[in-house]
Structures are given as C-alpha cells and as structure tokens.
C-alpha atoms as a PDB file:
ATOM      1  CA  MET A   1     -12.216   3.942 -47.369  1.00  0.00           C
ATOM      2  CA  ARG A   2      -9.495   2.049 -45.518  1.00  0.00           C
ATOM      3  CA  VAL A   3      -5.716   2.405 -45.567  1.00  0.00           C
ATOM      4  CA  PRO A   4      -3.599  -0.778 -45.658  1.00  0.00           C
ATOM      5  CA  VAL A   5      -1.162  -1.234 -42.760  1.00  0.00           C
ATOM      6  CA  ILE A   6       2.178  -3.069 -42.839  1.00  0.00           C
ATOM      7  CA  SER A   7       4.095  -4.015 -39.690  1.00  0.00           C
ATOM      8  CA  VAL A   8       7.778  -3.390 -38.997  1.00  0.00           C
ATOM      9  CA  ASP A   9       8.701  -6.790 -40.479  1.00  0.00           C
ATOM     10  CA  ASN A  10       6.555  -6.251 -43.640  1.00  0.00           C
ATOM     11  CA  THR A  11       3.644  -8.496 -42.648  1.00  0.00           C
ATOM     12  CA  PRO A  12       0.193  -7.175 -43.573  1.00  0.00           C
ATOM     13  CA  LEU A  13      -2.089  -6.096 -40.730  1.00  0.00           C
ATOM     14  CA  MET A  14      -5.717  -5.024 -40.660  1.00  0.00           C
ATOM     15  CA  PRO A  15      -6.498  -1.801 -42.568  1.00  0.00           C
ATOM     16  CA  THR A  16      -7.239   1.391 -40.667  1.00  0.00           C
ATOM     17  CA  LYS A  17      -9.186   4.600 -41.148  1.00  0.00           C
ATOM     18  CA  PRO A  18      -7.475   7.454 -43.011  1.00  0.00           C
ATOM     19  CA  SER A  19      -7.749   9.728 -39.961  1.00  0.00           C
ATOM     20  CA  ARG A  20      -5.866   7.236 -37.798  1.00  0.00           C
ATOM     21  CA  ALA A  21      -3.214   6.759 -40.506  1.00  0.00           C
ATOM     22  CA  ARG A  22      -2.699  10.540 -40.693  1.00  0.00           C
ATOM     23  CA  ARG A  23      -2.378  10.708 -36.892  1.00  0.00           C
ATOM     24  CA  TRP A  24       0.214   7.894 -36.889  1.00  0.00           C
ATOM     25  CA  ILE A  25       2.266   9.696 -39.550  1.00  0.00           C
ATOM     26  CA  LYS A  26       2.011  13.027 -37.715  1.00  0.00           C
ATOM     27  CA  ASP A  27       3.032  11.411 -34.394  1.00  0.00           C
ATOM     28  CA  GLY A  28       5.990   9.659 -36.045  1.00  0.00           C
ATOM     29  CA  SER A  29       4.810   6.127 -35.257  1.00  0.00           C
ATOM     30  CA  ALA A  30       4.361   5.264 -38.963  1.00  0.00           C
ATOM     31  CA  ILE A  31       5.504   6.387 -42.393  1.00  0.00           C
ATOM     32  CA  GLY A  32       3.412   6.681 -45.528  1.00  0.00           C
ATOM     33  CA  LYS A  33       4.507   4.809 -48.641  1.00  0.00           C
ATOM     34  CA  PHE A  34       3.237   3.941 -52.125  1.00  0.00           C
ATOM     35  CA  ASP A  35       3.483   0.465 -53.653  1.00  0.00           C
ATOM     36  CA  LYS A  36       4.260  -0.359 -57.308  1.00  0.00           C
ATOM     37  CA  LEU A  37       0.606   0.145 -58.291  1.00  0.00           C
ATOM     38  CA  GLY A  38       0.443   3.568 -56.659  1.00  0.00           C
ATOM     39  CA  ILE A  39      -1.644   2.468 -53.665  1.00  0.00           C
ATOM     40  CA  PHE A  40      -0.912   4.407 -50.484  1.00  0.00           C
ATOM     41  CA  TYR A  41      -0.203   2.415 -47.304  1.00  0.00           C
ATOM     42  CA  VAL A  42       1.368   3.019 -43.911  1.00  0.00           C
ATOM     43  CA  GLN A  43       4.244   1.082 -42.374  1.00  0.00           C
ATOM     44  CA  LEU A  44       4.492   1.044 -38.608  1.00  0.00           C
ATOM     45  CA  LEU A  45       7.845   1.972 -37.085  1.00  0.00           C
ATOM     46  CA  ALA A  46       7.213   0.219 -33.749  1.00  0.00           C
ATOM     47  CA  GLU A  47       5.957  -3.271 -32.988  1.00  0.00           C
ATOM     48  CA  SER A  48       2.144  -3.360 -33.009  1.00  0.00           C
ATOM     49  CA  SER A  49       0.229  -4.369 -29.902  1.00  0.00           C
ATOM     50  CA  ASN A  50      -2.207  -6.592 -31.800  1.00  0.00           C
ATOM     51  CA  THR A  51      -1.297  -8.731 -34.803  1.00  0.00           C
ATOM     52  CA  GLU A  52      -4.596 -10.600 -35.175  1.00  0.00           C
ATOM     53  CA  THR A  53      -6.040 -10.501 -38.694  1.00  0.00           C
ATOM     54  CA  GLN A  54      -9.364 -11.580 -40.164  1.00  0.00           C
ATOM     55  CA  GLU A  55      -9.751 -13.961 -43.076  1.00  0.00           C
ATOM     56  CA  ILE A  56     -10.623 -12.306 -46.366  1.00  0.00           C
ATOM     57  CA  VAL A  57     -13.203 -13.874 -48.665  1.00  0.00           C
ATOM     58  CA  LEU A  58     -13.730 -12.967 -52.308  1.00  0.00           C
ATOM     59  CA  GLY A  59     -17.115 -13.532 -53.917  1.00  0.00           C
ATOM     60  CA  LEU A  60     -17.741 -13.519 -57.668  1.00  0.00           C
ATOM     61  CA  ASP A  61     -21.143 -13.053 -59.276  1.00  0.00           C
ATOM     62  CA  PRO A  62     -21.241 -14.939 -62.626  1.00  0.00           C
ATOM     63  CA  GLY A  63     -24.516 -13.177 -63.496  1.00  0.00           C
ATOM     64  CA  LYS A  64     -22.611  -9.927 -63.795  1.00  0.00           C
ATOM     65  CA  LEU A  65     -21.114 -11.168 -67.085  1.00  0.00           C
ATOM     66  CA  PHE A  66     -24.576 -11.380 -68.688  1.00  0.00           C
ATOM     67  CA  SER A  67     -25.428  -8.007 -70.237  1.00  0.00           C
ATOM     68  CA  GLY A  68     -28.961  -8.473 -71.555  1.00  0.00           C
ATOM     69  CA  ASP A  69     -30.762 -10.242 -74.394  1.00  0.00           C
ATOM     70  CA  GLY A  70     -27.708 -10.615 -76.631  1.00  0.00           C
ATOM     71  CA  PHE A  71     -28.238  -7.769 -79.118  1.00  0.00           C
END
C-alpha cells in the first residue's frame, strides 16, 4: 500500500509508505488530509528536496471482459 503525497504548492509527488507518512505527520512536517473520494493523502508543509516523478502507465486487458462460453 502507498500513500499519495502532495507538495506545498499542491503538485503531486511520488507516493510513500504508510510508516513514513505517519512519521511525517508525527514530526509535524506534513498533515494528513482526505480528498472528495475519501482517499487519505499527506501534504508536505516544507519544500521537498526531490521533486522528480516517474511516468505512470495504465494497461487494460480486453480479455478480462470475456466471461466464458456465453451461457
């Protein structure tokens, strides 16, 4: 499981582990929030040291829509 991370200026960063997110909240370097869909994320309160992000690719399997012999 990963926790989404948002920077000070609301740009998305790479997700982090829940243990690190809890430590950031406990240390006061981030705050926990929920979005409109109820997904928990953390927003950093200080500028992050690394803002590099990876590209995200979505793959769809059309065979998943086929459920058997049609009965």
